Protein backbone atom coordinates (compact mmCIF):
# COMPACT_ATOMS: atom_id res chain seq x y z
CA MET A 1 98.61 -30.22 150.67
CA ARG A 2 100.54 -27.03 151.28
CA LEU A 3 102.69 -26.78 154.38
CA VAL A 4 103.13 -23.71 156.56
CA GLY A 5 105.72 -22.90 159.22
CA ASN A 6 107.13 -25.93 161.07
CA ASP A 7 105.86 -28.18 158.27
CA ARG A 8 102.27 -28.02 159.49
CA PRO A 9 99.52 -28.34 156.90
CA ASP A 10 97.35 -25.33 156.18
CA PRO A 11 94.11 -25.43 158.16
CA PRO A 12 91.02 -25.99 156.03
CA PRO A 13 89.36 -22.80 154.75
CA GLU A 14 86.88 -21.33 157.24
CA ALA A 15 83.15 -21.22 156.58
CA THR A 16 82.16 -18.13 154.65
CA PRO A 17 79.96 -15.51 156.30
CA ALA A 18 77.22 -16.46 153.81
CA GLN A 19 77.42 -20.11 154.90
CA VAL A 20 77.15 -19.16 158.57
CA ARG A 21 74.13 -16.93 157.88
CA ALA A 22 72.55 -19.74 155.83
CA ILE A 23 73.02 -22.23 158.67
CA TYR A 24 71.15 -20.05 161.16
CA SER A 25 68.48 -19.06 158.64
CA ILE A 26 67.77 -22.62 157.46
CA ALA A 27 67.73 -23.93 161.02
CA ARG A 28 65.28 -21.21 162.07
CA ASP A 29 63.02 -21.48 159.02
CA HIS A 30 63.02 -25.23 158.44
CA GLY A 31 63.89 -26.73 161.79
CA SER A 32 62.46 -24.14 164.16
CA LEU A 33 65.76 -24.11 166.04
CA ALA A 34 66.90 -21.19 168.17
CA GLU A 35 70.44 -19.91 167.69
CA ASN A 36 71.72 -21.65 170.83
CA GLU A 37 70.19 -24.94 169.61
CA VAL A 38 72.00 -24.55 166.28
CA ASP A 39 75.26 -23.98 168.16
CA GLU A 40 74.64 -27.09 170.27
CA LYS A 41 73.83 -29.21 167.22
CA SER A 42 76.92 -27.98 165.39
CA THR A 43 79.11 -28.65 168.41
CA ALA A 44 77.66 -32.15 168.79
CA LEU A 45 78.32 -32.95 165.13
CA PHE A 46 81.59 -31.11 164.47
CA GLY A 47 83.01 -30.04 167.83
CA VAL A 48 82.63 -26.30 167.11
CA ALA A 49 79.95 -23.63 166.63
CA PRO A 50 78.99 -22.60 163.07
CA PRO A 51 81.36 -19.60 162.79
CA GLU A 52 84.29 -21.94 163.47
CA LEU A 53 83.35 -24.63 160.93
CA SER A 54 85.43 -25.31 157.85
CA ARG A 55 83.78 -24.64 154.49
CA LYS A 56 83.27 -28.38 153.99
CA GLN A 57 81.74 -28.82 157.45
CA ALA A 58 79.45 -25.83 156.89
CA SER A 59 78.33 -27.29 153.57
CA ASP A 60 77.66 -30.66 155.20
CA PHE A 61 75.75 -28.99 158.05
CA ILE A 62 73.60 -27.00 155.60
CA THR A 63 72.76 -30.22 153.75
CA SER A 64 71.89 -31.91 157.05
CA LEU A 65 69.64 -29.04 158.13
CA LYS A 66 67.83 -29.01 154.79
CA GLY A 67 67.23 -32.73 155.07
CA SER A 68 65.75 -32.57 158.56
CA ARG A 69 62.58 -30.72 157.61
């Protein structure tokens, strides 16, 4: 783990724009969820909306959405 100023660890890498687009697209196409419902589900699971997820969280959310067909 790399440390930044004041010996704090680097935050995890943010979700990529492609991951965020995929989240909304998969939720709409497979789960029939509106954008606000996706935001609510993300916040319930991870505490933040999709654009604020880490790459790992976004990946996990995508997997979850694909599995909830």
